[in-house]
Protein backbone atom coordinates (compact mmCIF):
# COMPACT_ATOMS: atom_id res chain seq x y z
CA MET A 1 109.86 114.84 129.17
CA PRO A 2 110.81 112.12 126.69
CA LEU A 3 108.89 108.90 126.95
CA LEU A 4 110.72 106.31 129.01
CA SER A 5 112.36 103.81 126.71
CA GLY A 6 111.71 100.13 127.17
CA LEU A 7 115.18 99.76 128.64
CA MET A 8 114.65 102.50 131.21
CA ARG A 9 111.27 101.06 132.21
CA VAL A 10 113.01 97.74 132.84
CA MET A 11 115.65 99.45 134.99
CA GLU A 12 113.17 101.48 136.98
CA ARG A 13 110.91 98.50 137.63
CA ALA A 14 113.86 96.47 138.92
CA ALA A 15 115.10 99.33 141.12
CA ARG A 16 111.67 99.95 142.63
CA LYS A 17 111.20 96.27 143.42
CA ALA A 18 114.59 96.08 145.13
CA GLY A 19 113.90 99.42 146.83
CA THR A 20 110.72 98.09 148.41
CA ARG A 21 112.76 95.38 150.10
CA LEU A 22 115.41 97.85 151.22
CA ARG A 23 112.79 100.12 152.79
CA ARG A 24 111.39 97.20 154.74
CA ASP A 25 114.81 96.02 155.87
CA PHE A 26 115.86 99.55 156.80
CA GLY A 27 112.90 99.68 159.19
CA GLU A 28 114.31 96.64 160.95
CA VAL A 29 117.98 97.47 160.60
CA GLU A 30 118.78 96.52 164.17
CA HIS A 31 117.73 92.93 163.44
CA LEU A 32 119.93 92.45 160.38
CA GLN A 33 122.64 89.84 160.57
CA VAL A 34 125.81 91.51 159.39
CA SER A 35 129.03 89.89 158.23
CA LYS A 36 132.37 91.55 157.57
CA LYS A 37 133.80 91.34 154.08
CA GLY A 38 136.82 93.52 154.81
CA PRO A 39 138.10 96.24 157.13
CA ALA A 40 135.33 98.74 157.87
CA ASP A 41 133.38 97.42 154.87
CA PHE A 42 130.20 95.59 155.75
CA VAL A 43 127.66 93.65 153.75
CA SER A 44 124.22 92.81 155.06
CA LYS A 45 121.50 90.41 154.14
CA ALA A 46 119.62 93.42 152.81
CA ASP A 47 122.45 94.16 150.39
CA MET A 48 122.49 90.59 149.10
CA ARG A 49 118.71 90.39 148.78
CA ALA A 50 118.58 93.66 146.84
CA GLU A 51 121.31 92.49 144.47
CA ARG A 52 119.52 89.19 143.88
CA THR A 53 116.27 91.00 143.12
CA LEU A 54 118.00 93.27 140.60
CA TYR A 55 119.83 90.36 139.01
CA ASP A 56 116.69 88.24 138.63
CA GLU A 57 114.60 91.11 137.24
CA LEU A 58 117.20 92.22 134.69
CA LEU A 59 118.24 88.72 133.66
CA ALA A 60 114.62 87.84 132.88
CA VAL A 61 114.35 90.62 130.29
CA ARG A 62 117.92 90.63 128.93
CA PRO A 63 119.09 87.01 129.37
CA ASP A 64 122.15 87.39 127.14
CA TRP A 65 123.60 90.46 128.89
CA GLY A 66 126.45 90.20 131.38
CA PHE A 67 126.69 91.72 134.85
CA VAL A 68 129.20 93.57 137.01
CA LEU A 69 127.87 93.18 140.55
CA GLU A 70 129.32 94.65 143.72
CA GLU A 71 128.74 91.46 145.69
CA GLY A 72 128.47 88.82 142.97
CA GLY A 73 131.41 89.89 140.82
CA THR A 74 131.49 89.75 137.03
CA ILE A 75 129.13 87.41 135.22
CA GLU A 76 129.91 87.10 131.54
CA GLY A 77 127.19 87.38 128.90
CA ASP A 78 127.23 87.63 125.12
CA PRO A 79 130.41 89.67 124.41
CA ASP A 80 128.61 91.50 121.60
CA LYS A 81 125.83 92.69 123.92
CA PRO A 82 125.83 95.33 126.66
CA ARG A 83 126.26 94.52 130.32
CA TRP A 84 124.74 95.78 133.55
CA ILE A 85 126.83 97.53 136.23
CA ILE A 86 125.00 97.34 139.55
CA ASP A 87 125.39 98.62 143.08
CA PRO A 88 122.40 97.30 145.04
CA LEU A 89 123.07 99.46 148.08
CA ASP A 90 125.42 102.41 147.74
CA GLY A 91 125.80 103.71 151.26
CA THR A 92 125.83 100.38 153.10
CA SER A 93 127.48 101.83 156.21
CA ASN A 94 124.78 104.52 156.37
CA PHE A 95 122.11 101.85 156.02
CA LEU A 96 123.51 99.68 158.79
CA HIS A 97 123.80 102.63 161.16
CA GLY A 98 120.24 103.75 160.53
CA ILE A 99 121.25 106.81 158.51
CA PRO A 100 118.61 107.41 155.78
CA HIS A 101 120.98 108.15 152.90
CA PHE A 102 121.59 105.34 150.41
CA ALA A 103 120.66 104.40 146.87
CA ILE A 104 120.47 101.74 144.17
CA SER A 105 122.60 102.34 141.07
CA ILE A 106 122.14 100.60 137.70
CA ALA A 107 124.08 101.37 134.51
CA VAL A 108 124.33 99.92 131.03
CA GLN A 109 127.78 99.67 129.44
CA GLN A 110 128.37 98.98 125.76
CA PRO A 111 131.07 96.70 124.33
CA LYS A 112 133.71 98.38 122.20
CA LEU A 113 133.09 97.91 118.49
CA ASP A 114 136.54 96.43 117.95
CA GLY A 115 135.93 93.77 120.58
CA SER A 116 138.77 95.03 122.79
CA GLY A 117 136.73 95.38 125.96
CA TRP A 118 134.10 97.69 127.38
CA GLY A 119 133.29 101.21 126.29
CA GLU A 120 130.83 103.94 127.12
CA VAL A 121 127.92 103.90 129.53
CA THR A 122 124.71 104.72 127.67
CA ALA A 123 122.03 104.45 130.36
CA GLY A 124 121.99 104.99 134.09
CA LEU A 125 119.52 105.12 136.95
CA ILE A 126 120.02 106.02 140.62
CA TYR A 127 117.05 105.33 142.87
CA GLN A 128 116.77 106.62 146.42
CA PRO A 129 114.21 104.31 148.07
CA LEU A 130 113.38 106.39 151.15
CA THR A 131 112.57 109.55 149.19
CA ASP A 132 111.25 107.68 146.13
CA GLU A 133 113.49 109.81 143.89
CA SER A 134 114.50 108.28 140.57
CA TYR A 135 117.39 109.98 138.74
CA TRP A 136 117.90 108.66 135.23
CA ALA A 137 119.71 109.39 131.99
CA GLU A 138 120.18 107.90 128.56
CA LYS A 139 122.91 109.13 126.27
CA GLY A 140 121.68 112.05 124.20
CA GLN A 141 118.37 112.31 126.11
CA GLY A 142 119.44 114.51 129.01
CA ALA A 143 119.29 113.77 132.74
CA TRP A 144 116.03 113.63 134.66
CA LEU A 145 114.60 113.44 138.15
CA GLY A 146 111.30 111.74 137.46
CA ASP A 147 109.77 114.01 134.83
CA ARG A 148 111.94 117.07 135.64
CA LYS A 149 114.92 117.75 133.43
CA LEU A 150 118.14 118.31 135.31
CA GLN A 151 121.02 120.68 134.74
CA VAL A 152 124.15 121.24 136.80
CA SER A 153 124.31 124.48 138.75
CA ALA A 154 125.33 127.70 137.04
CA ARG A 155 127.53 128.92 139.90
CA ASN A 156 130.91 130.08 138.71
CA ARG A 157 132.47 131.40 141.93
CA LEU A 158 134.43 129.06 144.15
CA ASP A 159 133.44 131.03 147.25
CA GLU A 160 129.79 130.19 146.52
CA ALA A 161 130.36 126.53 145.65
CA LEU A 162 129.21 123.60 147.77
CA VAL A 163 131.51 120.64 147.18
CA ALA A 164 130.97 116.94 147.88
CA THR A 165 133.64 114.33 148.47
CA GLY A 166 134.31 110.94 149.98
CA ILE A 167 136.87 110.66 152.77
CA PRO A 168 139.28 107.69 152.75
CA PHE A 169 138.78 105.25 155.61
CA MET A 170 140.44 102.16 157.01
CA GLY A 171 141.84 100.11 154.15
CA HIS A 172 140.29 102.28 151.44
CA GLY A 173 141.69 105.26 149.58
CA ASP A 174 144.78 107.40 149.71
CA PHE A 175 144.43 109.63 152.75
CA ALA A 176 147.60 111.63 152.01
CA GLU A 177 146.37 112.46 148.51
CA TRP A 178 142.91 113.36 149.76
CA SER A 179 144.36 115.55 152.49
CA ARG A 180 146.41 117.54 149.98
CA ILE A 181 143.37 118.15 147.81
CA PHE A 182 141.19 119.01 150.79
CA GLY A 183 143.81 121.44 152.08
CA ALA A 184 143.86 123.21 148.73
CA ILE A 185 140.12 123.26 148.01
CA GLY A 186 138.77 123.85 151.51
CA PRO A 187 139.87 127.48 151.95
CA GLU A 188 138.46 128.41 148.53
CA VAL A 189 134.85 127.13 148.71
CA ALA A 190 131.64 127.76 150.63
CA GLY A 191 131.48 124.28 152.12
CA ILE A 192 132.44 120.62 151.79
CA ARG A 193 130.10 117.71 152.47
CA ARG A 194 130.68 113.98 152.95
CA TYR A 195 127.40 112.03 153.09
CA GLY A 196 128.61 108.52 152.29
CA SER A 197 127.09 107.67 148.90
CA ALA A 198 129.05 108.54 145.76
CA ALA A 199 126.08 107.59 143.57
CA LEU A 200 123.86 110.14 145.30
CA ASP A 201 126.64 112.73 145.34
CA LEU A 202 126.77 112.57 141.54
CA ALA A 203 122.98 112.52 141.20
CA TRP A 204 122.73 115.59 143.41
CA LEU A 205 125.46 117.30 141.39
CA ALA A 206 123.44 116.65 138.24
CA ALA A 207 120.42 118.16 140.02
CA GLY A 208 122.35 121.31 140.96
CA ARG A 209 122.34 120.59 144.69
CA TYR A 210 126.11 120.29 144.75
CA ASP A 211 128.45 122.34 142.58
CA CYS A 212 131.46 120.02 142.50
CA PHE A 213 132.53 116.52 143.52
CA TRP A 214 135.88 114.79 143.88
CA GLU A 215 136.90 111.34 145.04
CA SER A 216 139.33 108.59 144.08
CA GLY A 217 139.43 104.83 144.56
CA LEU A 218 135.81 104.34 143.56
CA ASN A 219 134.60 101.25 141.71
CA SER A 220 132.62 101.20 138.50
CA TRP A 221 129.39 100.27 140.28
CA ASP A 222 129.73 103.34 142.50
CA VAL A 223 129.95 105.87 139.66
CA ALA A 224 128.90 104.45 136.26
CA ALA A 225 125.32 105.74 136.39
CA GLY A 226 126.29 108.97 138.16
CA ILE A 227 128.93 109.96 135.62
CA LEU A 228 126.38 109.67 132.82
CA LEU A 229 123.85 111.70 134.81
CA VAL A 230 126.32 114.55 135.31
CA ARG A 231 127.40 114.59 131.67
CA GLU A 232 123.80 114.50 130.43
CA ALA A 233 123.04 117.39 132.81
CA ARG A 234 125.70 119.42 130.96
CA GLY A 235 128.41 118.85 133.51
CA PHE A 236 132.02 117.79 133.08
CA VAL A 237 133.56 114.63 134.54
CA THR A 238 137.28 113.87 134.29
CA ASP A 239 140.04 112.22 136.24
CA TYR A 240 142.46 114.40 138.23
CA ARG A 241 144.62 114.91 135.13
CA GLY A 242 141.68 116.23 133.12
CA THR A 243 141.16 113.21 130.86
CA SER A 244 137.77 111.66 130.22
CA ASN A 245 138.72 108.21 131.55
CA ALA A 246 137.45 108.94 135.04
CA MET A 247 135.85 105.57 135.73
CA GLU A 248 138.84 103.60 134.43
CA LYS A 249 141.33 105.75 136.37
CA ARG A 250 139.16 105.59 139.50
CA GLN A 251 139.46 109.34 139.93
CA ILE A 252 136.39 111.55 139.70
CA LEU A 253 136.40 115.33 139.37
CA ALA A 254 132.97 116.63 138.36
CA ALA A 255 131.41 120.11 138.11
CA ASN A 256 129.95 122.56 135.62
CA ASP A 257 132.32 123.81 132.93
CA GLN A 258 133.48 126.99 134.70
CA LEU A 259 133.98 125.49 138.14
CA HIS A 260 135.56 122.33 136.74
CA SER A 261 138.42 124.26 135.19
CA LYS A 262 139.03 126.18 138.42
CA VAL A 263 138.91 123.13 140.68
CA HIS A 264 141.00 121.08 138.28
CA LYS A 265 143.71 123.73 138.48
CA ILE A 266 143.62 123.56 142.29
CA VAL A 267 143.73 119.75 142.34
CA ALA A 268 146.56 119.58 139.81
CA GLY A 269 148.56 122.10 141.81
CA ALA A 270 148.01 120.23 145.07
CA LEU A 271 149.19 116.94 143.60
CA ARG A 272 152.08 118.51 141.68
CA ASN A 273 153.43 120.13 144.84
CA ALA A 274 153.22 116.97 146.92
């Protein structure tokens, strides 16, 4: 295991501090005051507290870096420095219903050298507070679960593949598009799962628990850390057209190299024949 860099230690410390609060709040979930921020999309006091903890911890050590926050929006920093992309509680609906499947996601995104915007993600961490599992990756250093190096599964048969996805819901996603893809993939694979946290779906793909993942309409804070984890675990992540701009296109198709090519062919055919 490589020694944790100073940056990764900062990220893990912040995630663990926020995770302690989430564990406590999860134990009292029935007492949380919940407010709607959109159709079928809820935000709780726990969500806001976790985000504030992450913001304060990371700002203290990198005061000139900007932020992309799920709840707080974009906070500009030094344009020549990286920025944080943060989801303080990925799986909010699970959390509020007492379902123990949610995570904190933190990523570091670099500015483009030509000053034209934002480029690659170079560090990512997904922390699952209830299991105390910390998935992390830095570009060129591999993907890790604690001190165990991760690698995507070696399965190459669709009929043995377990696939994860996110199902569109009220006001979110393209249900017709998803249905076409589901109708094409479903008969070919061993199973499809929808657990309600894209960050953990990608972390579990990197760990070899899932063999493939697809979803569209996701935001950068949902997937920035997870995409890096999968790629550092020797997996492939593209949009539905096969390009590498998955986060920008808000389309994620991820798997190992052999399954990715097979599933990409299925997805492309399903969308082409719509």
